[in-house]
Amino acid sequence: MVVRTILLDTGPIGLVTNPKLSSQGIACNQWLQSHLKSGNHIVVPEIADYEVRRELLRANKKKGLPA
């Protein structure tokens, strides 16, 4: 079994953190879950995390932020 490291950018992070899941968001969540279940490593660069959090705060979309 090959374990992969998957580096996420702001696009997929934004999709999976959106509490109002679109069809794209649902598909992205399923994709992410399948990789996690298969043992792959998911990496979120600090700058991407910062950018998504900053936009969620700017747009007052605090439901997308983790508790």
Protein backbone atom coordinates (compact mmCIF):
# COMPACT_ATOMS: atom_id res chain seq x y z
CA MET A 1 0.00 0.00 0.00
CA VAL A 2 1.33 3.40 -1.00
CA VAL A 3 0.67 6.21 1.44
CA ARG A 4 0.40 9.56 -0.28
CA THR A 5 0.73 13.04 1.11
CA ILE A 6 -1.92 15.36 -0.28
CA LEU A 7 -1.35 19.09 -0.02
CA LEU A 8 -4.59 21.09 0.04
CA ASP A 9 -4.97 24.59 -1.36
CA THR A 10 -7.60 27.16 -0.39
CA GLY A 11 -10.18 25.89 -2.92
CA PRO A 12 -10.79 22.45 -1.40
CA ILE A 13 -10.40 23.84 2.14
CA GLY A 14 -13.08 26.42 1.41
CA LEU A 15 -15.40 23.74 0.05
CA VAL A 16 -15.08 21.43 3.05
CA THR A 17 -15.42 24.24 5.63
CA ASN A 18 -18.59 25.66 4.10
CA PRO A 19 -21.53 24.61 6.34
CA LYS A 20 -23.93 25.01 3.38
CA LEU A 21 -22.57 22.19 1.28
CA SER A 22 -23.04 22.48 -2.45
CA SER A 23 -22.79 19.47 -4.74
CA GLN A 24 -19.12 20.41 -5.21
CA GLY A 25 -18.63 20.61 -1.45
CA ILE A 26 -20.21 17.20 -0.92
CA ALA A 27 -18.04 15.68 -3.65
CA CYS A 28 -14.93 17.29 -2.14
CA ASN A 29 -15.83 15.98 1.32
CA GLN A 30 -16.30 12.47 -0.08
CA TRP A 31 -12.98 12.70 -1.92
CA LEU A 32 -11.22 13.87 1.24
CA GLN A 33 -12.83 11.15 3.39
CA SER A 34 -11.83 8.46 0.91
CA HIS A 35 -8.20 9.56 1.10
CA LEU A 36 -8.27 9.68 4.89
CA LYS A 37 -9.82 6.19 5.07
CA SER A 38 -7.14 4.82 2.75
CA GLY A 39 -4.43 6.11 5.09
CA ASN A 40 -3.18 9.03 3.04
CA HIS A 41 -1.82 12.07 4.83
CA ILE A 42 -3.63 15.38 4.33
CA VAL A 43 -1.53 18.51 4.76
CA VAL A 44 -2.92 22.03 5.02
CA PRO A 45 -0.22 24.67 4.52
CA GLU A 46 -0.31 27.34 7.19
CA ILE A 47 -0.73 30.10 4.60
CA ALA A 48 -3.78 28.36 3.09
CA ASP A 49 -5.31 27.91 6.56
CA TYR A 50 -4.70 31.60 7.29
CA GLU A 51 -6.24 32.76 3.99
CA VAL A 52 -9.40 30.67 4.43
CA ARG A 53 -9.84 31.74 8.06
CA ARG A 54 -9.25 35.39 7.15
CA GLU A 55 -11.91 35.26 4.43
CA LEU A 56 -14.42 33.50 6.69
CA LEU A 57 -13.91 36.17 9.37
CA ARG A 58 -14.06 39.00 6.82
CA ALA A 59 -17.34 37.68 5.40
CA ASN A 60 -18.69 37.03 8.94
CA LYS A 61 -19.12 33.34 8.14
CA LYS A 62 -18.05 32.06 11.53
CA LYS A 63 -19.98 28.78 11.17
CA GLY A 64 -17.24 27.66 8.77
CA LEU A 65 -14.58 28.04 11.46
CA PRO A 66 -13.72 25.10 13.71
CA ALA A 67 -14.75 25.46 17.36
